[in-house]
Amino acid sequence: VVGLVALVGGGLLGGNPNSQAAVNAALDEDLSIAYEQVNGTVETDGTEPVKGPADAKFTFVEWADFECPHCAAMFGEMEKLLDENKDVRLLYKHYPISGICNQFVEGERHQFACNAAAASECARLQGKFWDLAGPMFKNQQFLGKDDIRFMVEKAGMDTTQFETCMQDPSTSEAVKQDIAAGGKANINGTPSIFVKGLFPDKWVRLTLAGGREGIEKVLAAARAGKPLPPPRPPAPE
């Protein structure tokens, strides 16, 4: 059963400062605690919503769920990362923690997550993915159909086109394609973030140790040309 990934170190979600300091100190000694080998394959298909320059040195792919609290926190952290690092781009992929649309999850659990993912897919088709994704992450307790319709209107989307898109079977199919890609990457929770650019032509999975600060440390070392320690084996599930 898929669960939520624990964000190590507390920095991302405002945890114990002493724990955060310990994680940062550990990262200074060994950056490899921030990433690990991919236990599967990372595949992109060109339909992903993207933020950041096409020629970015570092490409991140994130599988996330609009009802996942850690994903909401990470959304804000990744926005800051993109704002402060112009050599980074982010590709977003869906992974609702709900058996309503996710074949890898038992039970409904996040009962609004599949519909929210479909809504964001319709927003993507109108060039408004990020305009809708932000409000949905910030209002996770309000993801019913009427709530999303309100956010759609506030995002300046064509509501008639949106409703037609939501009824189109290809919309839910697009979400399921992202889920299937998540299965190939063998993710076991959200957010699951992978990055290419630290090692030549190799994806690694971020452990999220130290949150955004941990990611920044790894990027800074890579930019400086410091030899990075090889990725650790995937953590046991």
Protein backbone atom coordinates (compact mmCIF):
# COMPACT_ATOMS: atom_id res chain seq x y z
CA VAL A 1 0.00 0.00 0.00
CA VAL A 2 1.35 3.38 -0.95
CA GLY A 3 1.97 5.76 1.92
CA LEU A 4 3.25 9.27 2.40
CA VAL A 5 6.97 9.89 2.25
CA ALA A 6 8.41 11.31 5.47
CA LEU A 7 10.29 14.53 4.82
CA VAL A 8 13.50 14.04 6.75
CA GLY A 9 14.96 16.81 8.84
CA GLY A 10 11.91 18.90 9.67
CA GLY A 11 13.06 21.90 7.64
CA LEU A 12 10.33 21.57 5.08
CA LEU A 13 7.43 21.36 7.46
CA GLY A 14 8.73 23.45 10.34
CA GLY A 15 9.97 20.63 12.56
CA ASN A 16 12.50 20.56 15.38
CA PRO A 17 15.35 23.05 14.64
CA ASN A 18 17.82 20.78 16.42
CA SER A 19 16.87 17.90 14.13
CA GLN A 20 17.26 20.18 11.12
CA ALA A 21 20.71 21.23 12.30
CA ALA A 22 21.70 17.58 12.69
CA VAL A 23 20.54 16.79 9.15
CA ASN A 24 22.39 19.79 7.73
CA ALA A 25 25.54 18.72 9.56
CA ALA A 26 25.17 15.20 8.18
CA LEU A 27 24.76 16.61 4.68
CA ASP A 28 27.98 18.59 5.09
CA GLU A 29 29.74 15.31 5.83
CA ASP A 30 28.04 13.16 3.19
CA LEU A 31 25.82 14.60 0.46
CA SER A 32 24.76 11.13 -0.62
CA ILE A 33 22.14 11.03 2.14
CA ALA A 34 20.16 13.45 -0.05
CA TYR A 35 19.75 11.07 -3.00
CA GLU A 36 19.64 7.40 -3.91
CA GLN A 37 19.57 5.08 -6.92
CA VAL A 38 16.31 4.79 -8.85
CA ASN A 39 14.62 1.47 -8.22
CA GLY A 40 12.98 1.44 -11.64
CA THR A 41 12.90 3.81 -14.63
CA VAL A 42 11.93 7.47 -14.89
CA GLU A 43 9.95 8.16 -18.05
CA THR A 44 8.59 11.47 -19.34
CA ASP A 45 6.29 11.86 -22.34
CA GLY A 46 6.35 15.58 -23.07
CA THR A 47 2.86 16.27 -21.72
CA GLU A 48 4.03 17.23 -18.23
CA PRO A 49 3.42 20.78 -16.97
CA VAL A 50 6.84 22.43 -16.83
CA LYS A 51 8.35 25.34 -14.93
CA GLY A 52 11.85 26.55 -15.69
CA PRO A 53 14.01 26.88 -18.82
CA ALA A 54 14.11 24.11 -21.42
CA ASP A 55 17.93 24.10 -21.34
CA ALA A 56 18.14 23.87 -17.54
CA LYS A 57 21.17 22.04 -16.16
CA PHE A 58 19.00 20.21 -13.62
CA THR A 59 15.64 18.60 -14.41
CA PHE A 60 13.32 17.56 -11.60
CA VAL A 61 10.33 15.26 -12.03
CA GLU A 62 7.83 15.18 -9.19
CA TRP A 63 4.95 12.77 -8.69
CA ALA A 64 2.42 14.33 -6.32
CA ASP A 65 -1.14 14.23 -4.99
CA PHE A 66 -3.30 17.33 -4.46
CA GLU A 67 -4.62 15.97 -1.13
CA CYS A 68 -1.17 15.12 0.25
CA PRO A 69 -0.07 17.63 2.94
CA HIS A 70 3.62 16.97 2.30
CA CYS A 71 3.04 17.64 -1.41
CA ALA A 72 1.43 20.99 -0.57
CA ALA A 73 4.45 21.95 1.52
CA MET A 74 6.83 20.76 -1.18
CA PHE A 75 4.95 22.74 -3.84
CA GLY A 76 5.86 25.97 -2.08
CA GLU A 77 9.43 24.84 -1.51
CA MET A 78 9.90 23.92 -5.17
CA GLU A 79 8.51 27.31 -6.22
CA LYS A 80 11.21 28.96 -4.09
CA LEU A 81 13.83 26.62 -5.52
CA LEU A 82 12.83 27.57 -9.07
CA ASP A 83 12.73 31.28 -8.27
CA GLU A 84 16.21 31.22 -6.77
CA ASN A 85 17.89 28.80 -9.22
CA LYS A 86 17.59 29.68 -12.89
CA ASP A 87 19.30 26.46 -14.02
CA VAL A 88 16.48 24.25 -12.66
CA ARG A 89 13.25 23.11 -14.25
CA LEU A 90 10.40 21.06 -12.81
CA LEU A 91 8.09 18.55 -14.50
CA TYR A 92 4.92 17.59 -12.63
CA LYS A 93 3.26 14.17 -12.78
CA HIS A 94 0.12 12.86 -11.06
CA TYR A 95 0.03 10.17 -8.40
CA PRO A 96 -3.27 10.39 -6.46
CA ILE A 97 -3.22 8.26 -3.31
CA SER A 98 -6.63 6.80 -4.12
CA GLY A 99 -7.80 3.49 -5.51
CA ILE A 100 -10.49 5.42 -7.41
CA CYS A 101 -7.95 5.98 -10.18
CA ASN A 102 -4.67 4.54 -8.92
CA GLN A 103 -4.21 0.82 -9.54
CA PHE A 104 -1.35 0.68 -7.01
CA VAL A 105 -3.44 1.92 -4.05
CA GLU A 106 -6.03 0.01 -2.04
CA GLY A 107 -9.19 1.86 -0.97
CA GLU A 108 -10.34 5.37 -1.77
CA ARG A 109 -8.23 7.19 0.87
CA HIS A 110 -7.80 10.64 -0.73
CA GLN A 111 -11.27 10.65 -2.25
CA PHE A 112 -10.93 14.01 -4.04
CA ALA A 113 -7.40 13.51 -5.36
CA CYS A 114 -8.31 11.82 -8.65
CA ASN A 115 -10.83 14.50 -9.60
CA ALA A 116 -8.37 17.24 -8.62
CA ALA A 117 -5.71 15.63 -10.82
CA ALA A 118 -8.17 15.55 -13.74
CA ALA A 119 -9.06 19.20 -13.13
CA SER A 120 -5.40 20.19 -13.24
CA GLU A 121 -5.02 18.22 -16.47
CA CYS A 122 -7.84 20.28 -17.98
CA ALA A 123 -6.11 23.41 -16.69
CA ARG A 124 -2.90 22.29 -18.41
CA LEU A 125 -4.74 22.08 -21.71
CA GLN A 126 -5.74 25.73 -21.26
CA GLY A 127 -2.20 26.75 -20.28
CA LYS A 128 -3.35 27.27 -16.68
CA PHE A 129 -1.94 24.29 -14.79
CA TRP A 130 0.14 26.28 -12.31
CA ASP A 131 -2.67 28.83 -11.87
CA LEU A 132 -4.98 26.07 -10.63
CA ALA A 133 -2.42 23.81 -8.93
CA GLY A 134 -1.33 26.49 -6.47
CA PRO A 135 -4.84 27.25 -5.14
CA MET A 136 -5.71 23.54 -4.93
CA PHE A 137 -2.61 22.78 -2.87
CA LYS A 138 -3.34 25.77 -0.62
CA ASN A 139 -6.98 24.71 -0.13
CA GLN A 140 -6.68 20.95 0.28
CA GLN A 141 -9.70 20.82 2.58
CA PHE A 142 -11.83 22.30 -0.23
CA LEU A 143 -11.43 20.04 -3.26
CA GLY A 144 -15.05 19.14 -3.96
CA LYS A 145 -16.37 19.73 -7.46
CA ASP A 146 -18.00 23.07 -6.58
CA ASP A 147 -14.84 24.23 -4.82
CA ILE A 148 -12.67 23.37 -7.81
CA ARG A 149 -15.14 25.07 -10.14
CA PHE A 150 -14.75 28.25 -8.06
CA MET A 151 -10.95 28.01 -8.31
CA VAL A 152 -11.23 27.40 -12.06
CA GLU A 153 -13.19 30.62 -12.44
CA LYS A 154 -10.70 32.54 -10.29
CA ALA A 155 -7.85 31.20 -12.44
CA GLY A 156 -9.46 32.80 -15.49
CA MET A 157 -10.18 29.54 -17.26
CA ASP A 158 -12.90 28.93 -19.84
CA THR A 159 -15.45 27.11 -17.66
CA THR A 160 -17.39 25.61 -20.58
CA GLN A 161 -14.22 24.18 -22.05
CA PHE A 162 -13.26 22.94 -18.57
CA GLU A 163 -16.55 21.08 -18.06
CA THR A 164 -16.26 19.46 -21.50
CA CYS A 165 -12.70 18.40 -20.71
CA MET A 166 -13.74 16.87 -17.38
CA GLN A 167 -16.25 14.64 -19.20
CA ASP A 168 -13.69 13.54 -21.80
CA PRO A 169 -12.35 10.01 -21.07
CA SER A 170 -8.92 11.08 -22.34
CA THR A 171 -8.57 13.34 -19.29
CA SER A 172 -8.72 10.53 -16.74
CA GLU A 173 -6.59 8.43 -19.08
CA ALA A 174 -3.86 11.09 -18.97
CA VAL A 175 -3.86 10.89 -15.16
CA LYS A 176 -3.63 7.09 -15.32
CA GLN A 177 -0.68 7.33 -17.70
CA ASP A 178 1.20 9.38 -15.10
CA ILE A 179 0.28 6.81 -12.45
CA ALA A 180 1.58 4.01 -14.67
CA ALA A 181 4.83 5.92 -15.15
CA GLY A 182 5.01 6.25 -11.36
CA GLY A 183 4.70 2.49 -11.13
CA LYS A 184 7.67 2.09 -13.48
CA ALA A 185 9.66 4.44 -11.26
CA ASN A 186 8.59 2.25 -8.33
CA ILE A 187 7.50 5.16 -6.18
CA ASN A 188 5.97 4.29 -2.83
CA GLY A 189 4.62 7.63 -1.67
CA THR A 190 4.23 11.30 -2.42
CA PRO A 191 5.93 13.56 -3.07
CA SER A 192 8.44 11.47 -5.02
CA ILE A 193 11.07 13.61 -6.71
CA PHE A 194 13.77 12.58 -9.16
CA VAL A 195 16.55 14.70 -10.63
CA LYS A 196 18.81 14.45 -13.65
CA GLY A 197 21.97 16.56 -13.95
CA LEU A 198 23.88 15.52 -10.86
CA PHE A 199 25.38 12.55 -12.71
CA PRO A 200 25.77 12.21 -16.49
CA ASP A 201 22.57 10.83 -18.07
CA LYS A 202 21.44 9.31 -14.78
CA TRP A 203 18.34 9.96 -12.74
CA VAL A 204 18.55 9.80 -8.97
CA ARG A 205 15.75 9.92 -6.45
CA LEU A 206 15.82 12.60 -3.78
CA THR A 207 15.40 11.43 -0.20
CA LEU A 208 14.32 14.98 0.78
CA ALA A 209 16.81 14.94 3.65
CA GLY A 210 17.02 18.54 4.83
CA GLY A 211 14.15 19.64 2.58
CA ARG A 212 14.91 22.44 0.14
CA GLU A 213 18.15 23.29 1.97
CA GLY A 214 19.37 19.77 1.35
CA ILE A 215 18.56 20.04 -2.35
CA GLU A 216 20.35 23.41 -2.51
CA LYS A 217 23.50 21.90 -0.98
CA VAL A 218 23.61 19.15 -3.59
CA LEU A 219 23.00 21.58 -6.47
CA ALA A 220 25.70 23.93 -5.20
CA ALA A 221 28.23 21.10 -5.04
CA ALA A 222 27.34 19.95 -8.56
CA ARG A 223 27.69 23.49 -9.94
CA ALA A 224 31.09 23.86 -8.28
CA GLY A 225 32.28 20.72 -10.04
CA LYS A 226 32.84 18.83 -6.82
CA PRO A 227 32.78 15.06 -7.28
CA LEU A 228 29.54 13.86 -5.74
CA PRO A 229 29.48 10.57 -3.84
CA PRO A 230 27.71 7.83 -5.80
CA PRO A 231 24.02 7.35 -5.12
CA ARG A 232 23.14 5.01 -2.30
CA PRO A 233 21.10 1.87 -2.97
CA PRO A 234 17.33 2.43 -2.80
CA ALA A 235 15.94 2.38 0.73
CA PRO A 236 14.08 -0.86 1.50
CA GLU A 237 10.29 -0.58 1.24
